[in-house]
Protein backbone atom coordinates (compact mmCIF):
# COMPACT_ATOMS: atom_id res chain seq x y z
CA UNK A 1 0.00 0.23 -0.05
CA UNK A 2 1.21 3.41 -0.78
CA UNK A 3 0.89 4.72 2.74
CA UNK A 4 3.07 2.00 4.14
CA UNK A 5 5.88 2.63 1.44
CA UNK A 6 5.61 6.38 2.21
CA UNK A 7 5.91 5.75 5.97
CA UNK A 8 8.90 3.48 5.45
CA UNK A 9 10.58 6.04 3.17
CA UNK A 10 9.78 8.90 5.45
CA UNK A 11 11.39 7.01 8.46
CA UNK A 12 14.41 6.29 6.59
CA UNK A 13 14.87 10.18 5.60
CA UNK A 14 13.93 11.17 9.17
CA UNK A 15 16.84 9.12 10.24
CA UNK A 16 19.10 10.73 7.57
CA UNK A 17 17.91 14.02 8.78
CA UNK A 18 18.80 13.10 12.47
CA UNK A 19 22.36 11.89 11.53
CA UNK A 20 22.88 15.36 9.81
CA UNK A 21 21.78 17.28 12.53
CA UNK A 22 24.27 15.30 14.82
CA UNK A 23 27.04 16.03 12.47
CA UNK A 24 26.09 19.62 12.11
CA UNK A 25 25.99 20.04 16.03
CA UNK A 26 29.56 18.29 16.23
CA UNK A 27 30.86 20.51 13.49
CA UNK A 28 29.50 23.75 15.26
CA UNK A 29 31.19 22.90 18.44
CA UNK A 30 34.38 22.22 16.44
CA UNK A 31 34.10 25.56 14.39
CA UNK A 32 33.88 27.38 17.79
CA UNK A 33 36.87 25.59 19.30
CA UNK A 34 38.92 26.36 15.98
CA UNK A 35 38.04 29.90 16.28
CA UNK A 36 39.17 30.30 19.84
CA UNK A 37 42.43 28.29 19.21
CA UNK A 38 43.15 30.41 16.06
CA UNK A 39 42.74 33.50 18.05
CA UNK A 40 45.12 32.44 20.74
CA UNK A 41 47.68 31.28 18.43
CA UNK A 42 47.45 34.32 16.48
CA UNK A 43 47.85 36.56 19.68
CA UNK A 44 50.64 34.64 20.90
CA UNK A 45 52.62 34.67 17.81
CA UNK A 46 51.89 38.34 17.21
CA UNK A 47 52.75 39.27 20.66
CA UNK A 48 56.25 37.40 20.28
CA UNK A 49 56.75 39.14 16.99
CA UNK A 50 56.08 42.73 18.74
CA UNK A 51 58.30 41.92 21.58
CA UNK A 52 61.22 41.03 19.15
CA UNK A 53 60.51 44.08 17.12
CA UNK A 54 59.41 42.59 13.81
CA UNK A 55 56.13 44.09 13.80
CA UNK A 56 53.95 46.94 15.77
CA UNK A 57 50.79 46.51 17.71
CA UNK A 58 48.86 48.36 15.12
CA UNK A 59 49.77 45.93 12.57
CA UNK A 60 48.94 43.07 15.01
CA UNK A 61 45.55 44.53 15.48
CA UNK A 62 45.00 45.02 11.87
CA UNK A 63 46.19 41.27 11.09
CA UNK A 64 43.86 40.02 13.70
CA UNK A 65 40.85 41.85 12.25
CA UNK A 66 41.68 40.41 8.92
CA UNK A 67 41.94 36.96 10.57
CA UNK A 68 38.63 37.52 12.31
CA UNK A 69 36.98 38.27 9.03
CA UNK A 70 38.56 35.27 7.14
CA UNK A 71 37.35 33.00 9.95
CA UNK A 72 33.98 34.50 10.03
CA UNK A 73 33.52 33.78 6.21
CA UNK A 74 34.64 30.36 6.53
CA UNK A 75 32.45 29.86 9.36
CA UNK A 76 29.39 31.27 7.54
CA UNK A 77 30.19 28.99 4.57
CA UNK A 78 30.25 26.00 6.77
CA UNK A 79 27.03 26.83 8.41
CA UNK A 80 25.41 26.82 5.22
CA UNK A 81 26.56 23.38 4.26
CA UNK A 82 24.08 21.38 6.38
CA UNK A 83 21.27 23.43 4.57
CA UNK A 84 22.66 22.38 1.40
CA UNK A 85 22.74 18.67 2.49
CA UNK A 86 19.15 19.13 3.84
CA UNK A 87 18.13 20.30 0.40
CA UNK A 88 19.94 17.47 -1.28
CA UNK A 89 18.20 15.01 0.96
CA UNK A 90 14.92 16.57 0.21
CA UNK A 91 15.44 16.34 -3.48
CA UNK A 92 16.24 12.76 -2.97
CA UNK A 93 13.13 12.25 -1.17
CA UNK A 94 11.10 13.79 -3.86
CA UNK A 95 12.68 11.88 -6.45
CA UNK A 96 12.27 8.38 -4.75
CA UNK A 97 8.56 9.40 -4.27
CA UNK A 98 8.27 10.27 -8.00
CA UNK A 99 9.88 7.01 -9.01
CA UNK A 100 7.49 4.87 -6.93
CA UNK A 101 5.37 2.78 -8.99
CA UNK A 102 1.83 3.93 -9.32
CA UNK A 103 -0.96 1.95 -7.49
CA UNK A 104 -4.14 1.39 -9.53
CA UNK A 105 -7.17 1.90 -7.12
CA UNK A 106 -10.56 0.99 -8.68
CA UNK A 107 -13.35 3.13 -7.44
CA UNK A 108 -16.71 1.95 -9.00
CA UNK A 109 -18.98 4.75 -10.39
CA UNK A 110 -21.78 3.25 -8.46
CA UNK A 111 -22.58 -0.01 -6.87
CA UNK A 112 -24.94 -2.18 -8.99
CA UNK A 113 -27.02 -2.99 -6.07
CA UNK A 114 -28.98 -0.10 -4.26
CA UNK A 115 -28.42 2.10 -7.26
CA UNK A 116 -31.57 4.11 -6.63
CA UNK A 117 -31.44 4.28 -2.81
CA UNK A 118 -30.01 7.41 -1.04
CA UNK A 119 -27.12 7.07 1.21
CA UNK A 120 -27.34 10.32 2.53
CA UNK A 121 -30.80 12.41 2.32
CA UNK A 122 -31.92 15.66 3.83
CA UNK A 123 -35.82 16.15 3.65
CA UNK A 124 -37.32 19.59 4.25
CA UNK A 125 -34.51 20.32 6.87
CA UNK A 126 -34.86 23.75 8.78
CA UNK A 127 -32.20 25.25 10.93
CA UNK A 128 -31.73 28.51 12.76
CA UNK A 129 -28.96 29.93 15.23
CA UNK A 130 -29.86 31.24 18.84
CA UNK A 131 -30.27 34.81 17.25
CA UNK A 132 -33.23 33.23 14.88
CA UNK A 133 -31.03 33.73 11.90
CA UNK A 134 -32.52 31.31 9.53
CA UNK A 135 -29.76 29.41 7.92
CA UNK A 136 -31.70 26.30 6.27
CA UNK A 137 -35.24 26.64 5.16
CA UNK A 138 -36.99 23.59 3.56
CA UNK A 139 -33.34 22.09 2.74
CA UNK A 140 -33.56 18.97 0.58
CA UNK A 141 -30.60 16.95 -0.84
CA UNK A 142 -29.92 13.54 -1.73
CA UNK A 143 -26.51 11.81 -2.01
CA UNK A 144 -26.16 8.31 -3.56
CA UNK A 145 -23.70 5.72 -2.39
CA UNK A 146 -20.21 6.44 -4.33
CA UNK A 147 -21.46 9.84 -5.68
CA UNK A 148 -19.68 12.84 -5.09
CA UNK A 149 -21.58 16.18 -4.02
CA UNK A 150 -20.22 19.52 -3.95
CA UNK A 151 -22.13 22.30 -1.94
CA UNK A 152 -21.17 25.75 -2.79
CA UNK A 153 -22.36 29.05 -1.78
CA UNK A 154 -21.74 32.58 -0.28
CA UNK A 155 -20.25 32.88 3.22
CA UNK A 156 -22.77 32.15 5.98
CA UNK A 157 -25.34 30.39 3.71
CA UNK A 158 -25.20 27.19 5.62
CA UNK A 159 -22.62 25.02 3.98
CA UNK A 160 -20.81 24.08 7.07
CA UNK A 161 -24.13 23.70 9.19
CA UNK A 162 -25.20 20.95 6.80
CA UNK A 163 -22.31 18.74 8.09
């Protein structure tokens, strides 16, 4: 049955999504640690260079700003990768659904027996709400078994009241 196939496929892709979330959380933690480590190494190495006279504090601050910008760009790109993988997984799911073999479901136009008997019938139905606003007055309708009925009308004319 189609619903069983869909449920199985859905559970499979839900498991994949959970795995991606776990990997994403791990990578996020690694990114944060990497950022802190880079800043510490850069600060220590820059301080040694300033002490030895190879650079100035102004140059060190400028280089640290450049380093922060590069790391921010790399982390931003890294944060978008899980979204890309989610989109790829969604496309795979859509593709697998589209490739499923169609099931043919036979719905008879009308059952041979009881052809002329109503399945649902309203006879001379009246209905008013508490404010005496009449919604249905002498309403009649017959719906036969296996028949599809469409009820249309303006807002407040009683379509929902019928059901």
